[in-house]
Protein backbone atom coordinates (compact mmCIF):
# COMPACT_ATOMS: atom_id res chain seq x y z
CA ALA A 1 -5.90 -0.24 11.27
CA ALA A 2 -6.79 2.25 13.86
CA ILE A 3 -4.00 0.84 16.18
CA ASP A 4 -1.35 1.60 13.69
CA LYS A 5 -2.17 5.24 13.53
CA VAL A 6 -1.82 5.67 17.20
CA GLY A 7 1.98 5.21 17.30
CA ARG A 8 3.97 2.73 19.19
CA LEU A 9 4.81 2.81 22.83
CA SER A 10 8.09 0.80 21.99
CA ASP A 11 9.53 -1.82 19.72
CA ALA A 12 10.37 -4.16 22.66
CA LEU A 13 8.27 -6.85 21.07
CA SER A 14 9.02 -6.38 17.63
CA GLY A 15 9.61 -9.80 16.02
CA TRP A 16 7.36 -11.48 18.65
CA HIS A 17 4.06 -13.10 17.80
CA VAL A 18 1.44 -13.49 20.72
CA VAL A 19 -1.67 -15.46 20.56
CA LEU A 20 -4.27 -14.45 23.14
CA ASP A 21 -6.82 -16.98 24.11
CA PRO A 22 -9.77 -15.59 26.14
CA GLY A 23 -11.09 -18.49 28.05
CA HIS A 24 -14.53 -19.95 27.53
CA GLY A 25 -16.88 -17.93 25.44
CA GLY A 26 -19.92 -18.85 23.19
CA VAL A 27 -22.37 -20.88 25.21
CA ASP A 28 -19.73 -21.67 27.89
CA PRO A 29 -19.64 -18.82 30.39
CA GLY A 30 -16.91 -20.28 32.63
CA ALA A 31 -17.28 -19.31 36.22
CA ILE A 32 -20.53 -17.59 37.22
CA VAL A 33 -19.77 -15.82 40.66
CA PRO A 34 -22.56 -14.32 42.74
CA THR A 35 -21.43 -11.14 44.74
CA VAL A 36 -22.82 -8.05 46.03
CA ASP A 37 -22.24 -4.35 45.29
CA GLY A 38 -21.55 -1.50 47.91
CA ASN A 39 -25.18 -1.29 48.61
CA GLY A 40 -25.52 -5.13 49.38
CA GLN A 41 -27.41 -5.86 46.10
CA ARG A 42 -26.66 -9.08 44.36
CA LEU A 43 -25.09 -9.36 41.09
CA PHE A 44 -22.98 -11.77 38.97
CA ILE A 45 -19.60 -11.91 37.43
CA VAL A 46 -19.43 -14.08 34.29
CA GLU A 47 -15.92 -15.15 33.64
CA ASP A 48 -15.80 -15.24 29.88
CA GLU A 49 -17.28 -11.66 29.27
CA TYR A 50 -14.67 -10.08 31.60
CA VAL A 51 -11.64 -12.00 30.56
CA TYR A 52 -12.63 -11.20 26.85
CA ASP A 53 -12.50 -7.50 27.94
CA VAL A 54 -9.04 -7.95 29.42
CA ALA A 55 -7.84 -9.84 26.41
CA VAL A 56 -9.00 -7.01 24.10
CA ARG A 57 -7.05 -4.54 26.10
CA ALA A 58 -4.04 -6.68 26.18
CA TYR A 59 -4.30 -7.06 22.37
CA VAL A 60 -4.03 -3.35 21.78
CA LEU A 61 -1.07 -2.98 24.40
CA PHE A 62 0.87 -5.88 22.65
CA ARG A 63 0.41 -4.24 19.26
CA LEU A 64 1.71 -0.83 20.76
CA HIS A 65 4.81 -2.57 21.73
CA GLY A 66 5.44 -3.93 18.23
CA ALA A 67 4.01 -7.47 18.61
CA ASN A 68 1.99 -9.41 16.04
CA VAL A 69 -1.00 -10.54 17.80
CA ASP A 70 -3.95 -12.94 17.12
CA ILE A 71 -6.76 -13.65 19.30
CA THR A 72 -8.48 -17.24 19.34
CA VAL A 73 -12.12 -15.99 20.15
CA LEU A 74 -14.02 -13.06 18.64
CA SER A 75 -17.08 -11.15 19.72
CA PRO A 76 -18.97 -9.20 17.03
CA ASN A 77 -19.93 -6.37 19.37
CA HIS A 78 -17.26 -6.34 22.14
CA LEU A 79 -14.50 -3.85 21.91
CA PHE A 80 -13.55 -2.05 25.22
CA ARG A 81 -16.34 -2.08 27.50
CA GLN A 82 -17.06 0.60 30.02
CA THR A 83 -18.86 -0.52 33.10
CA VAL A 84 -21.04 2.29 34.04
CA PRO A 85 -22.27 1.95 36.63
CA PRO A 86 -19.91 -0.92 37.95
CA THR A 87 -22.85 -2.42 39.46
CA GLN A 88 -24.04 -3.37 35.95
CA THR A 89 -23.42 -7.04 35.19
CA PHE A 90 -22.10 -7.94 31.74
CA VAL A 91 -24.64 -9.92 29.89
CA HIS A 92 -23.68 -13.47 28.92
CA GLU A 93 -24.42 -12.86 25.23
CA GLN A 94 -23.28 -16.26 24.01
CA ASN A 95 -22.14 -14.82 20.73
CA GLU A 96 -18.27 -15.30 20.76
CA ILE A 97 -17.04 -17.55 17.84
CA PHE A 98 -13.61 -19.15 17.20
CA ASN A 99 -11.36 -16.90 15.14
CA HIS A 100 -11.22 -19.58 12.34
CA TYR A 101 -13.20 -19.42 8.99
CA GLY A 102 -13.03 -23.14 8.39
CA HIS A 103 -14.42 -24.09 11.73
CA ASN A 104 -17.23 -21.64 11.45
CA ARG A 105 -18.08 -22.37 7.77
CA SER A 106 -21.05 -24.50 8.79
CA ASN A 107 -22.52 -21.52 10.43
CA ARG A 108 -24.11 -23.74 13.16
CA PRO A 109 -24.43 -23.30 16.65
CA SER A 110 -22.34 -26.46 17.14
CA ALA A 111 -19.28 -24.58 15.90
CA TRP A 112 -19.49 -22.13 18.74
CA PRO A 113 -17.25 -22.52 21.80
CA MET A 114 -18.90 -25.19 24.13
CA GLY A 115 -16.36 -25.76 26.77
CA ASN A 116 -15.58 -29.23 25.45
CA PRO A 117 -12.04 -31.01 24.75
CA ASP A 118 -12.59 -30.36 21.10
CA ASP A 119 -12.62 -26.64 21.83
CA LEU A 120 -9.31 -26.71 23.45
CA LYS A 121 -7.97 -28.62 20.27
CA THR A 122 -9.48 -25.70 18.18
CA ARG A 123 -7.72 -23.17 20.13
CA VAL A 124 -4.39 -24.88 19.68
CA GLN A 125 -5.05 -25.25 16.05
CA ILE A 126 -5.82 -21.52 15.68
CA ALA A 127 -2.42 -20.86 17.44
CA ARG A 128 -0.59 -23.38 15.09
CA GLU A 129 -1.80 -21.74 12.00
CA ALA A 130 -1.06 -18.23 13.44
CA PHE A 131 2.51 -19.12 14.19
CA GLN A 132 3.21 -20.90 10.77
CA GLU A 133 5.56 -18.17 9.50
CA ALA A 134 6.75 -16.87 12.90
CA ASP A 135 10.17 -17.32 14.54
CA ALA A 136 9.32 -20.30 16.83
CA SER A 137 11.58 -18.93 19.53
CA ARG A 138 9.47 -15.76 19.76
CA THR A 139 6.06 -17.19 19.89
CA ILE A 140 3.91 -16.83 22.92
CA PHE A 141 0.40 -18.27 23.92
CA LEU A 142 -1.46 -16.78 26.69
CA SER A 143 -4.75 -18.22 27.82
CA LEU A 144 -6.66 -15.72 29.97
CA HIS A 145 -9.02 -16.87 32.76
CA ALA A 146 -10.42 -15.92 36.24
CA ASP A 147 -11.44 -19.09 38.06
CA ILE A 148 -12.81 -19.81 41.56
CA THR A 149 -10.32 -21.61 43.94
CA PRO A 150 -11.39 -21.49 47.53
CA ASN A 151 -7.98 -22.78 48.83
CA ALA A 152 -5.87 -20.20 46.89
CA PRO A 153 -4.97 -16.60 47.56
CA ALA A 154 -6.55 -13.59 46.12
CA ALA A 155 -3.60 -13.33 43.60
CA PRO A 156 -2.92 -14.14 39.81
CA LEU A 157 -1.93 -17.87 39.07
CA VAL A 158 0.30 -18.65 36.03
CA LEU A 159 -0.06 -22.26 34.84
CA TYR A 160 2.45 -24.04 32.56
CA TYR A 161 2.26 -27.53 31.23
CA GLU A 162 3.32 -30.42 33.34
CA GLY A 163 1.98 -34.00 33.08
CA ARG A 164 1.22 -36.20 35.94
CA ARG A 165 3.82 -36.79 38.59
CA GLY A 166 6.00 -34.07 36.99
CA ARG A 167 6.41 -35.80 33.56
CA ASN A 168 6.99 -33.82 30.40
CA ARG A 169 7.38 -30.50 32.34
CA ASP A 170 7.64 -27.56 29.91
CA ASN A 171 10.62 -26.11 31.43
CA ALA A 172 10.79 -23.09 29.10
CA SER A 173 7.14 -22.25 29.76
CA ARG A 174 7.99 -22.58 33.42
CA ARG A 175 10.68 -19.96 33.25
CA PHE A 176 8.31 -17.74 31.26
CA ALA A 177 5.76 -18.15 34.05
CA GLN A 178 8.32 -17.31 36.65
CA ALA A 179 9.41 -14.22 34.71
CA MET A 180 5.92 -12.93 34.70
CA LEU A 181 5.39 -12.98 38.31
CA PRO A 182 7.02 -9.60 39.46
CA ALA A 183 4.54 -7.86 36.98
CA LEU A 184 1.45 -9.62 38.22
CA GLY A 185 1.96 -8.53 41.87
CA ALA A 186 2.21 -9.67 45.29
CA ASP A 187 1.36 -13.27 45.96
CA ALA A 188 1.34 -14.11 42.30
CA HIS A 189 2.51 -17.73 41.84
CA THR A 190 2.97 -20.57 39.38
CA ARG A 191 2.16 -24.24 39.14
CA GLY A 192 2.51 -27.05 36.53
CA GLN A 193 -0.64 -28.64 35.39
CA SER A 194 -1.81 -31.04 32.56
CA LEU A 195 -4.02 -28.52 30.56
CA GLY A 196 -5.37 -29.34 27.21
CA VAL A 197 -4.93 -25.94 25.81
CA LEU A 198 -1.26 -26.05 26.50
CA ARG A 199 -0.70 -29.70 25.55
CA ASN A 200 0.94 -30.05 21.98
CA ASN A 201 0.64 -26.13 21.76
CA PRO A 202 3.12 -25.07 19.11
CA ALA A 203 4.10 -21.86 21.01
CA GLY A 204 7.80 -21.39 22.07
CA VAL A 205 6.22 -20.66 25.64
CA LYS A 206 2.68 -20.99 26.67
CA ALA A 207 0.93 -20.34 29.90
CA LEU A 208 -2.67 -20.11 31.33
CA VAL A 209 -3.09 -16.92 33.41
CA GLU A 210 -5.71 -16.79 36.15
CA VAL A 211 -5.92 -12.99 36.36
CA GLY A 212 -7.72 -13.39 39.59
CA ASN A 213 -9.41 -15.74 41.91
CA LEU A 214 -13.22 -14.97 41.91
CA PHE A 215 -13.64 -16.86 45.25
CA HIS A 216 -12.33 -13.67 46.86
CA VAL A 217 -14.72 -10.64 46.87
CA GLU A 218 -11.85 -8.17 46.12
CA ASP A 219 -10.84 -10.05 42.99
CA ALA A 220 -14.57 -10.20 41.90
CA TRP A 221 -15.01 -6.53 42.53
CA ALA A 222 -11.92 -5.73 40.56
CA LEU A 223 -13.04 -7.40 37.58
CA ARG A 224 -16.30 -5.16 37.52
CA TYR A 225 -14.18 -1.91 37.16
CA GLU A 226 -13.00 -0.95 33.65
CA GLN A 227 -9.76 0.72 35.22
CA LEU A 228 -8.85 -2.26 37.15
CA ARG A 229 -9.51 -4.64 34.08
CA HIS A 230 -7.14 -2.35 32.08
CA ARG A 231 -4.60 -2.64 34.78
CA ASN A 232 -4.87 -6.47 34.65
CA ALA A 233 -4.03 -6.25 30.96
CA GLU A 234 -1.14 -3.97 31.66
CA LYS A 235 0.29 -6.38 34.11
CA VAL A 236 0.06 -9.29 31.70
CA VAL A 237 1.68 -7.18 29.01
CA ARG A 238 4.23 -5.89 31.49
CA GLY A 239 5.19 -9.58 32.45
CA VAL A 240 5.85 -10.45 28.68
CA LEU A 241 7.96 -7.32 28.30
CA ASP A 242 9.90 -8.47 31.36
CA TYR A 243 10.45 -11.89 29.97
CA ALA A 244 11.41 -10.61 26.45
CA GLY A 245 13.85 -8.18 28.10
CA GLY A 246 15.41 -10.90 30.05
CA ARG A 247 15.91 -12.86 26.83
CA ARG A 248 17.63 -9.95 25.15
CA LEU A 249 20.06 -9.42 28.31
CA ALA A 250 20.81 -13.14 28.35
CA ARG A 251 22.04 -12.92 24.65
CA ARG A 252 24.39 -10.13 25.22
């Protein structure tokens, strides 16, 4: 693979297995956010296209730090995307599919991501199969999103699994989420929530990361710029590196 020819940045994640889950995709665009460019012209941010770009960048970075990496959703024509000019809106092409041959074997539109509960189970199943031969204590599942939350700050949010009234809290994933915060920047915060993509997920630690809050203009603008999307990917990877490094120190 081309990535293997580049040479590693480090071996810090050697022995770790990461599954990246770009949110939404297929016929499900996720959040569609109207905003304006510097000239006041109207344009739109389509969540699934932008977080897929962040996920692809994170995939490469994780590999360069020695991790095994899988991704739950694939686009046939989307590698790194340059946004030139940044006023250009990513087209919602609706061509992403699940990274699972059995699921796609029917070759029907109904197999594409639709944004329903069965989709969440498919994402979990992809992770379960990816982790079959991995060291369970070194498995990480990251679902990447960029939602609209009016009453929350313009900052990343890391969600871990917690049932109603605090039941069945995933404390290992809570610690993982907290370990990621310094890398994600000022005002990054965590919260427990009963999320289908994290429920019954086999990963040793798992989280859903809202890389930005598209309610705020500055976060919507940031996703439009290739360099800032790459920085988002770097922050996510740095958070995982910090977590893995803390685990190593704790064992000494």
